[in-house]
């Protein structure tokens, strides 16, 4: 089993760099969770901010791969909120707090750049992660809805 260390998070600036985010998204959403590639590729990438978590990966044979993309998150700017989306961590890199670090980086960016509200659509079974990160399901906006065949719930973080 591979070991991951030396985590770093990079705010991506170019289309070329975004390929690393897409690698993670395809591995998690298309290969693992069986969403269609068409649903993963959308028109929001070009207007969004993207981050990728990188680690060094130590393989079972002792070789080390440097700067391997293992997680990603995307910010879609909305008129009155930042939308957190396309958040994913490779299955073999989960449990290392990489997801928490990505979300903390996302929240800090929002605070530093004048956003006062973050909204997200959580896959319903994964809502506990976001609750631990400080997001809430608001009364009156707590309906479970279908998104690409999966139950989701809207969650908020306000007054950043």
Protein backbone atom coordinates (compact mmCIF):
# COMPACT_ATOMS: atom_id res chain seq x y z
CA UNK A 1 0.00 0.00 0.00
CA UNK A 2 1.27 3.45 -0.89
CA UNK A 3 2.11 6.05 1.75
CA UNK A 4 1.54 9.75 1.23
CA UNK A 5 3.44 12.58 2.87
CA UNK A 6 4.63 16.16 2.30
CA UNK A 7 1.20 17.55 1.53
CA UNK A 8 1.04 20.89 -0.22
CA UNK A 9 -1.94 22.74 -1.63
CA UNK A 10 -1.63 24.85 -4.75
CA UNK A 11 -4.03 27.46 -6.09
CA UNK A 12 -4.05 26.67 -9.81
CA UNK A 13 -3.63 29.54 -12.25
CA UNK A 14 -3.48 27.98 -15.72
CA UNK A 15 -5.51 25.60 -17.87
CA UNK A 16 -2.45 23.33 -17.97
CA UNK A 17 -2.32 23.16 -14.16
CA UNK A 18 -6.05 22.37 -14.04
CA UNK A 19 -5.31 19.02 -15.68
CA UNK A 20 -4.16 17.81 -12.24
CA UNK A 21 -7.55 18.73 -10.75
CA UNK A 22 -9.30 16.90 -13.56
CA UNK A 23 -7.20 13.75 -12.97
CA UNK A 24 -8.44 13.59 -9.38
CA UNK A 25 -12.03 14.40 -10.31
CA UNK A 26 -12.16 11.69 -12.98
CA UNK A 27 -10.60 9.12 -10.63
CA UNK A 28 -13.12 9.89 -7.86
CA UNK A 29 -16.34 10.89 -9.62
CA UNK A 30 -16.13 8.88 -12.86
CA UNK A 31 -14.04 5.80 -12.01
CA UNK A 32 -14.98 5.34 -8.33
CA UNK A 33 -18.48 6.82 -8.03
CA UNK A 34 -19.59 6.02 -11.60
CA UNK A 35 -20.79 9.46 -12.69
CA UNK A 36 -20.56 10.04 -16.42
CA UNK A 37 -17.58 11.90 -17.81
CA UNK A 38 -20.05 14.27 -19.48
CA UNK A 39 -21.54 15.27 -16.12
CA UNK A 40 -18.05 15.87 -14.70
CA UNK A 41 -16.98 18.17 -17.52
CA UNK A 42 -19.01 21.35 -17.34
CA UNK A 43 -18.86 24.98 -18.36
CA UNK A 44 -17.88 26.24 -14.89
CA UNK A 45 -14.19 25.27 -14.94
CA UNK A 46 -13.15 28.32 -16.94
CA UNK A 47 -14.82 30.79 -14.54
CA UNK A 48 -13.82 29.01 -11.33
CA UNK A 49 -10.89 28.99 -8.95
CA UNK A 50 -9.23 25.59 -8.46
CA UNK A 51 -6.93 24.08 -5.84
CA UNK A 52 -5.09 20.77 -5.84
CA UNK A 53 -3.49 18.93 -2.93
CA UNK A 54 -0.19 17.30 -3.85
CA UNK A 55 1.75 14.67 -1.92
CA UNK A 56 4.82 12.59 -2.35
CA UNK A 57 3.74 8.98 -2.83
CA UNK A 58 5.93 6.18 -1.48
CA UNK A 59 5.10 2.98 -3.32
CA UNK A 60 5.29 -0.53 -1.85
CA UNK A 61 8.57 -1.15 -3.70
CA UNK A 62 10.19 1.87 -2.02
CA UNK A 63 10.13 4.16 -5.03
CA UNK A 64 8.85 7.70 -4.48
CA UNK A 65 6.71 9.70 -6.86
CA UNK A 66 6.96 13.43 -6.17
CA UNK A 67 4.14 15.99 -6.40
CA UNK A 68 1.28 13.55 -7.05
CA UNK A 69 -2.20 15.16 -7.23
CA UNK A 70 -4.42 13.54 -4.57
CA UNK A 71 -7.23 16.03 -3.91
CA UNK A 72 -9.05 18.99 -5.41
CA UNK A 73 -11.73 21.60 -4.78
CA UNK A 74 -13.33 24.24 -6.99
CA UNK A 75 -14.88 27.65 -6.23
CA UNK A 76 -17.64 28.86 -8.53
CA UNK A 77 -18.27 32.57 -7.97
CA UNK A 78 -21.97 33.33 -7.48
CA UNK A 79 -23.53 36.80 -7.06
CA UNK A 80 -23.98 36.41 -3.31
CA UNK A 81 -21.81 33.40 -2.39
CA UNK A 82 -18.87 31.22 -3.26
CA UNK A 83 -20.00 27.75 -4.29
CA UNK A 84 -17.75 24.94 -3.11
CA UNK A 85 -17.80 22.06 -5.56
CA UNK A 86 -15.94 19.26 -7.27
CA UNK A 87 -14.32 18.45 -3.94
CA UNK A 88 -12.57 15.09 -4.10
CA UNK A 89 -9.72 13.13 -2.52
CA UNK A 90 -8.36 9.91 -4.02
CA UNK A 91 -9.62 6.90 -2.07
CA UNK A 92 -6.11 5.70 -1.20
CA UNK A 93 -5.22 9.13 0.24
CA UNK A 94 -8.30 9.49 2.47
CA UNK A 95 -7.92 9.57 6.23
CA UNK A 96 -4.87 11.86 6.07
CA UNK A 97 -6.83 15.10 6.63
CA UNK A 98 -6.16 16.22 3.06
CA UNK A 99 -9.84 17.01 2.58
CA UNK A 100 -9.90 19.14 5.72
CA UNK A 101 -6.84 21.05 4.54
CA UNK A 102 -8.42 21.69 1.14
CA UNK A 103 -11.63 23.01 2.71
CA UNK A 104 -9.69 25.18 5.19
CA UNK A 105 -7.71 26.65 2.27
CA UNK A 106 -10.97 27.28 0.40
CA UNK A 107 -12.54 29.04 3.42
CA UNK A 108 -9.44 31.19 3.97
CA UNK A 109 -9.45 32.24 0.31
CA UNK A 110 -13.12 33.20 0.59
CA UNK A 111 -12.49 35.29 3.72
CA UNK A 112 -9.46 36.99 2.14
CA UNK A 113 -11.33 37.78 -1.07
CA UNK A 114 -14.53 39.34 0.21
CA UNK A 115 -16.89 36.38 0.21
CA UNK A 116 -19.22 36.32 3.19
CA UNK A 117 -21.12 33.13 2.33
CA UNK A 118 -20.20 29.67 1.06
CA UNK A 119 -22.79 27.25 -0.30
CA UNK A 120 -22.33 23.64 -1.39
CA UNK A 121 -24.34 20.64 -2.49
CA UNK A 122 -23.20 17.70 -0.38
CA UNK A 123 -23.81 14.12 -1.33
CA UNK A 124 -26.23 13.24 1.46
CA UNK A 125 -24.15 10.41 2.99
CA UNK A 126 -21.12 12.75 3.15
CA UNK A 127 -22.81 15.66 4.92
CA UNK A 128 -21.17 14.75 8.25
CA UNK A 129 -17.77 15.81 6.93
CA UNK A 130 -19.07 19.28 6.13
CA UNK A 131 -20.89 19.56 9.45
CA UNK A 132 -17.54 18.95 11.19
CA UNK A 133 -16.01 21.71 9.04
CA UNK A 134 -18.64 24.23 10.23
CA UNK A 135 -21.24 24.06 7.47
CA UNK A 136 -24.93 23.81 8.38
CA UNK A 137 -28.13 22.60 6.79
CA UNK A 138 -30.53 25.50 7.22
CA UNK A 139 -34.10 25.06 8.34
CA UNK A 140 -36.38 25.67 5.38
CA UNK A 141 -33.56 24.76 2.98
CA UNK A 142 -33.15 21.19 4.19
CA UNK A 143 -34.79 19.22 1.40
CA UNK A 144 -32.88 16.32 -0.07
CA UNK A 145 -32.65 16.65 -3.86
CA UNK A 146 -31.33 14.58 -6.74
CA UNK A 147 -28.18 15.68 -8.53
CA UNK A 148 -26.90 13.35 -11.24
CA UNK A 149 -28.77 10.42 -9.68
CA UNK A 150 -27.41 10.91 -6.15
CA UNK A 151 -29.23 12.41 -3.12
CA UNK A 152 -27.76 15.77 -2.12
CA UNK A 153 -28.46 18.43 0.48
CA UNK A 154 -27.61 22.15 0.38
CA UNK A 155 -25.25 23.35 3.11
CA UNK A 156 -24.12 26.81 4.13
CA UNK A 157 -21.39 28.70 5.92
CA UNK A 158 -22.35 32.33 6.48
CA UNK A 159 -20.83 35.45 8.02
CA UNK A 160 -17.25 34.58 7.15
